[in-house]
N, C-alpha and C. Protein backbone atom coordinates (compact mmCIF):
# COMPACT_ATOMS: atom_id res chain seq x y z
N MET A 1 -3.92 -6.16 -33.81
CA MET A 1 -5.07 -6.27 -32.85
C MET A 1 -5.13 -7.61 -31.93
N GLU A 2 -4.77 -8.92 -32.70
CA GLU A 2 -4.67 -9.96 -32.10
C GLU A 2 -3.70 -9.91 -31.22
N ARG A 3 -2.39 -9.44 -31.09
CA ARG A 3 -1.43 -9.40 -30.23
C ARG A 3 -1.82 -8.70 -28.93
N GLN A 4 -2.71 -7.70 -29.06
CA GLN A 4 -3.13 -7.05 -27.96
C GLN A 4 -4.21 -7.79 -27.05
N GLN A 5 -4.88 -8.56 -27.96
CA GLN A 5 -5.86 -9.42 -27.20
C GLN A 5 -4.99 -10.85 -26.55
N GLN A 6 -4.15 -11.09 -26.87
CA GLN A 6 -3.05 -12.23 -26.34
C GLN A 6 -2.48 -11.61 -25.36
N LEU A 7 -2.07 -10.36 -25.49
CA LEU A 7 -1.37 -9.69 -24.05
C LEU A 7 -2.43 -9.57 -22.90
N ASN A 8 -3.74 -9.12 -23.36
CA ASN A 8 -4.55 -9.13 -22.31
C ASN A 8 -4.93 -10.38 -21.78
N LYS A 9 -5.06 -11.55 -22.30
CA LYS A 9 -5.39 -12.76 -21.97
C LYS A 9 -4.15 -13.28 -20.97
N ASP A 10 -2.97 -13.06 -21.41
CA ASP A 10 -1.89 -13.54 -20.62
C ASP A 10 -1.64 -12.64 -19.33
N ALA A 11 -2.01 -11.36 -19.28
CA ALA A 11 -1.97 -10.51 -18.17
C ALA A 11 -3.06 -11.13 -17.24
N LYS A 12 -4.23 -11.47 -17.69
CA LYS A 12 -5.27 -11.99 -16.71
C LYS A 12 -4.75 -13.20 -16.17
N LEU A 13 -4.13 -14.20 -16.98
CA LEU A 13 -3.69 -15.30 -16.43
C LEU A 13 -2.59 -15.26 -15.36
N CYS A 14 -1.64 -14.48 -15.52
CA CYS A 14 -0.50 -14.08 -14.65
C CYS A 14 -1.11 -13.36 -13.30
N THR A 15 -2.23 -12.53 -13.46
CA THR A 15 -2.61 -11.91 -12.36
C THR A 15 -3.50 -13.03 -11.42
N ARG A 16 -4.35 -13.92 -12.18
CA ARG A 16 -4.95 -15.08 -11.26
C ARG A 16 -3.89 -15.86 -10.64
N TRP A 17 -2.85 -16.25 -11.30
CA TRP A 17 -1.66 -17.24 -10.80
C TRP A 17 -1.22 -16.39 -9.48
N ALA A 18 -0.73 -15.03 -9.66
CA ALA A 18 -0.15 -14.29 -8.59
C ALA A 18 -1.00 -14.22 -7.45
N LEU A 19 -2.18 -13.87 -7.80
CA LEU A 19 -3.12 -13.84 -6.64
C LEU A 19 -3.54 -15.19 -5.77
N GLY A 20 -3.62 -16.22 -6.66
CA GLY A 20 -3.66 -17.55 -6.14
C GLY A 20 -2.59 -17.97 -5.40
N LEU A 21 -1.46 -17.84 -5.80
CA LEU A 21 -0.20 -18.12 -5.09
C LEU A 21 0.03 -17.27 -3.68
N THR A 22 -0.45 -16.15 -3.85
CA THR A 22 -0.29 -15.33 -2.87
C THR A 22 -1.24 -15.88 -1.56
N LEU A 23 -2.47 -16.17 -1.99
CA LEU A 23 -3.48 -16.59 -0.96
C LEU A 23 -2.95 -17.92 -0.44
N VAL A 24 -2.33 -18.68 -1.06
CA VAL A 24 -1.95 -19.80 -0.64
C VAL A 24 -0.70 -19.91 0.26
N PHE A 25 0.43 -19.24 -0.15
CA PHE A 25 1.62 -19.16 0.56
C PHE A 25 1.52 -18.21 1.70
N ILE A 26 0.80 -17.29 1.60
CA ILE A 26 0.57 -16.36 2.69
C ILE A 26 -0.39 -16.24 3.62
N ILE A 27 -1.62 -16.75 3.01
CA ILE A 27 -2.93 -16.91 4.11
C ILE A 27 -3.24 -18.40 4.33
N LEU A 28 -3.47 -19.12 3.18
CA LEU A 28 -3.92 -20.53 3.53
C LEU A 28 -3.01 -21.47 4.36
N TRP A 29 -1.80 -21.57 3.94
CA TRP A 29 -0.66 -22.62 4.38
C TRP A 29 -0.61 -22.04 6.02
N PRO A 30 -0.03 -20.86 6.11
CA PRO A 30 0.13 -20.60 7.43
C PRO A 30 -1.02 -20.51 8.44
N GLY A 31 -2.05 -20.03 7.91
CA GLY A 31 -3.20 -19.98 8.59
C GLY A 31 -3.86 -21.33 9.11
N VAL A 32 -3.65 -22.50 8.23
CA VAL A 32 -4.17 -23.80 8.68
C VAL A 32 -3.08 -24.22 9.81
N MET A 33 -1.87 -23.95 9.55
CA MET A 33 -0.81 -24.37 10.76
C MET A 33 -1.20 -23.66 11.84
N PHE A 34 -1.44 -22.53 11.87
CA PHE A 34 -1.91 -21.81 13.11
C PHE A 34 -3.06 -22.39 13.82
N LEU A 35 -4.14 -22.58 12.84
CA LEU A 35 -5.33 -22.88 13.71
C LEU A 35 -5.40 -24.57 14.00
N THR A 36 -4.28 -25.17 13.42
CA THR A 36 -4.14 -26.69 13.93
C THR A 36 -3.42 -26.56 15.23
N GLY A 37 -2.78 -25.42 15.82
CA GLY A 37 -1.98 -25.40 16.76
C GLY A 37 -0.70 -25.74 16.64
N TYR A 38 0.01 -25.82 15.45
CA TYR A 38 1.47 -26.32 14.92
C TYR A 38 2.28 -25.22 15.78
N GLN A 39 3.12 -25.76 16.37
CA GLN A 39 4.37 -25.19 17.03
C GLN A 39 5.49 -24.64 16.13
N TYR A 40 5.53 -23.51 15.74
CA TYR A 40 6.67 -23.16 14.55
C TYR A 40 7.97 -23.28 15.56
N SER A 41 8.85 -24.29 14.94
CA SER A 41 10.26 -24.20 15.57
C SER A 41 11.17 -23.35 14.89
N LEU A 42 12.31 -23.15 15.51
CA LEU A 42 13.32 -22.37 14.72
C LEU A 42 13.79 -22.79 13.35
N SER A 43 14.04 -24.12 13.25
CA SER A 43 14.16 -24.95 12.07
C SER A 43 13.15 -24.74 11.09
N PHE A 44 12.00 -24.89 11.32
CA PHE A 44 10.83 -24.48 10.49
C PHE A 44 10.72 -23.18 9.83
N PHE A 45 10.87 -22.11 10.81
CA PHE A 45 10.93 -20.78 10.50
C PHE A 45 12.18 -20.46 9.27
N THR A 46 13.38 -21.33 9.57
CA THR A 46 14.60 -20.99 8.81
C THR A 46 14.09 -21.80 7.47
N GLY A 47 13.62 -22.93 7.49
CA GLY A 47 13.32 -23.51 6.24
C GLY A 47 12.39 -22.65 5.47
N TRP A 48 11.02 -22.12 6.39
CA TRP A 48 10.36 -21.34 5.43
C TRP A 48 10.98 -20.15 4.73
N THR A 49 12.06 -19.66 5.62
CA THR A 49 12.61 -18.43 5.01
C THR A 49 13.61 -18.75 3.78
N TYR A 50 14.15 -19.79 3.85
CA TYR A 50 14.98 -20.41 2.61
C TYR A 50 14.12 -20.38 1.43
N VAL A 51 12.91 -21.09 1.71
CA VAL A 51 11.99 -21.17 0.57
C VAL A 51 11.50 -19.85 -0.12
N ALA A 52 11.22 -18.91 0.92
CA ALA A 52 10.71 -17.47 0.61
C ALA A 52 11.78 -16.85 -0.32
N PHE A 53 13.02 -16.99 0.11
CA PHE A 53 14.19 -16.22 -0.68
C PHE A 53 14.45 -17.21 -2.07
N GLY A 54 14.45 -18.40 -1.84
CA GLY A 54 14.59 -19.29 -3.13
C GLY A 54 13.78 -18.66 -4.24
N TRP A 55 12.26 -18.63 -3.72
CA TRP A 55 11.13 -18.10 -4.67
C TRP A 55 11.63 -16.73 -5.19
N LEU A 56 12.09 -15.99 -4.52
CA LEU A 56 12.47 -14.75 -5.06
C LEU A 56 13.62 -14.38 -5.82
N VAL A 57 14.64 -15.25 -5.64
CA VAL A 57 15.66 -15.48 -6.36
C VAL A 57 15.18 -15.89 -7.87
N ILE A 58 14.50 -17.03 -7.94
CA ILE A 58 14.03 -17.62 -9.07
C ILE A 58 13.10 -16.74 -9.89
N ALA A 59 12.24 -16.06 -9.22
CA ALA A 59 11.39 -15.37 -9.81
C ALA A 59 12.29 -14.11 -10.34
N GLY A 60 13.09 -13.65 -9.70
CA GLY A 60 14.01 -12.31 -10.29
C GLY A 60 14.88 -12.89 -11.63
N LEU A 61 15.12 -14.02 -11.59
CA LEU A 61 16.13 -14.48 -12.58
C LEU A 61 15.08 -14.70 -13.97
N ILE A 62 13.88 -14.93 -13.74
CA ILE A 62 12.93 -15.38 -14.78
C ILE A 62 12.54 -13.97 -15.33
N ILE A 63 12.18 -13.14 -14.47
CA ILE A 63 11.95 -11.72 -14.84
C ILE A 63 12.97 -10.96 -15.50
N THR A 64 14.33 -11.35 -15.24
CA THR A 64 15.28 -10.59 -15.85
C THR A 64 15.91 -11.29 -17.06
N ILE A 65 15.68 -12.69 -17.01
CA ILE A 65 16.33 -13.05 -18.37
C ILE A 65 15.31 -13.50 -19.41
N ARG A 66 14.02 -13.91 -19.00
CA ARG A 66 13.00 -13.97 -20.18
C ARG A 66 12.93 -13.15 -21.16
N PRO A 67 13.06 -11.74 -20.75
CA PRO A 67 12.67 -10.71 -21.91
C PRO A 67 13.90 -10.45 -22.69
N ILE A 68 15.00 -10.87 -22.43
CA ILE A 68 16.34 -10.75 -22.93
C ILE A 68 16.35 -11.75 -24.06
N VAL A 69 15.75 -13.07 -23.69
CA VAL A 69 15.77 -14.29 -24.49
C VAL A 69 14.70 -14.13 -25.68
N GLU A 70 13.40 -13.46 -25.17
CA GLU A 70 12.50 -13.13 -26.18
C GLU A 70 13.06 -12.30 -27.11
N LEU A 71 13.90 -10.94 -26.58
CA LEU A 71 14.50 -9.94 -27.67
C LEU A 71 15.34 -10.70 -28.55
N LEU A 72 16.06 -11.61 -28.19
CA LEU A 72 17.03 -12.36 -29.08
C LEU A 72 16.39 -13.32 -30.06
N LYS A 73 15.34 -13.78 -29.56
CA LYS A 73 14.49 -14.77 -30.63
C LYS A 73 13.89 -13.92 -31.47
N SER A 74 13.46 -12.78 -31.28
CA SER A 74 12.76 -12.01 -32.36
C SER A 74 13.60 -11.40 -33.30
N LYS A 75 14.84 -11.49 -33.19
CA LYS A 75 15.67 -10.68 -34.14
C LYS A 75 15.92 -11.82 -35.29
């Protein structure tokens, strides 16, 4: 039973982080730049795209590798 409670606690924590980061990276940061009249240049957009793809690659690696590592640790 204790394991299920820990999983529920971790799921809530991950959900909060995911929603928080989504809010910051997709709504707040670009929104503030838009409201201040920042002119998006091609180099800025290119950099933003690299950051987004880098974030996706790192997340994909962690999502793929971590369960394998945990499986190997549990044996």
